[in-house]
Amino acid sequence: MEFNENIKTELERKIKELEDLIAEKGVGAKQLKKARRTQRNINLAVIVGSLITVAGITAWAVSSSRHED
């Protein structure tokens, strides 16, 4: 049983190495890298925009509650 698990683990590792090699050197590798960079930048922009929006809403809420007093 353990022998089969070792074989399975080794095959999964080899397949992962092959997939990584294809992703790095294969057809479309440059486009994939650009897409990953673009997606990362978009994610960062969304996070920063969300933080700014939350901070603005909080400041507005605090400001408007002080004016009512």
Protein backbone atom coordinates (compact mmCIF):
# COMPACT_ATOMS: atom_id res chain seq x y z
CA MET A 1 0.00 0.00 0.00
CA GLU A 2 2.77 2.43 0.94
CA PHE A 3 4.60 1.49 -2.27
CA ASN A 4 1.60 2.64 -4.33
CA GLU A 5 1.41 5.91 -2.40
CA ASN A 6 5.09 6.59 -3.05
CA ILE A 7 4.63 5.95 -6.76
CA LYS A 8 1.57 8.19 -6.86
CA THR A 9 3.40 10.99 -5.04
CA GLU A 10 6.41 10.70 -7.34
CA LEU A 11 4.24 10.76 -10.48
CA GLU A 12 2.34 13.82 -9.25
CA ARG A 13 5.64 15.58 -8.59
CA LYS A 14 6.96 14.74 -12.06
CA ILE A 15 3.73 15.92 -13.70
CA LYS A 16 3.88 19.19 -11.76
CA GLU A 17 7.51 19.71 -12.87
CA LEU A 18 6.50 19.09 -16.48
CA GLU A 19 3.57 21.50 -16.23
CA ASP A 20 5.86 24.16 -14.74
CA LEU A 21 8.38 23.64 -17.56
CA ILE A 22 5.66 23.98 -20.19
CA ALA A 23 4.28 27.10 -18.49
CA GLU A 24 7.78 28.62 -18.38
CA LYS A 25 9.07 27.65 -21.83
CA GLY A 26 6.01 26.53 -23.79
CA VAL A 27 3.79 28.20 -26.33
CA GLY A 28 2.12 31.26 -24.85
CA ALA A 29 4.44 31.49 -21.84
CA LYS A 30 5.06 35.21 -22.38
CA GLN A 31 1.36 35.92 -22.66
CA LEU A 32 0.70 33.90 -19.52
CA LYS A 33 3.29 35.89 -17.58
CA LYS A 34 1.78 39.17 -18.83
CA ALA A 35 -1.70 38.00 -17.88
CA ARG A 36 -0.55 37.06 -14.37
CA ARG A 37 1.15 40.44 -13.93
CA THR A 38 -1.92 42.26 -15.20
CA GLN A 39 -4.22 40.27 -12.90
CA ARG A 40 -1.96 41.03 -9.91
CA ASN A 41 -2.00 44.73 -10.72
CA ILE A 42 -5.79 44.74 -11.10
CA ASN A 43 -6.19 42.95 -7.77
CA LEU A 44 -3.94 45.50 -6.06
CA ALA A 45 -5.87 48.37 -7.62
CA VAL A 46 -9.18 46.91 -6.44
CA ILE A 47 -7.86 46.43 -2.90
CA VAL A 48 -6.45 49.97 -2.70
CA GLY A 49 -9.63 51.43 -4.19
CA SER A 50 -11.74 49.53 -1.67
CA LEU A 51 -9.62 50.73 1.24
CA ILE A 52 -9.86 54.34 0.05
CA THR A 53 -13.63 54.00 -0.35
CA VAL A 54 -14.06 52.55 3.14
CA ALA A 55 -11.88 55.28 4.62
CA GLY A 56 -13.88 57.95 2.78
CA ILE A 57 -17.22 56.57 3.92
CA THR A 58 -15.95 56.34 7.49
CA ALA A 59 -14.68 59.92 7.42
CA TRP A 60 -17.96 61.13 5.92
CA ALA A 61 -20.00 59.24 8.55
CA VAL A 62 -17.91 60.62 11.43
CA SER A 63 -18.04 64.12 9.96
CA SER A 64 -21.81 64.09 9.45
CA SER A 65 -22.48 62.72 12.94
CA ARG A 66 -20.46 65.58 14.48
CA HIS A 67 -22.38 68.20 12.53
CA GLU A 68 -25.70 66.86 13.83
CA ASP A 69 -24.65 67.34 17.47
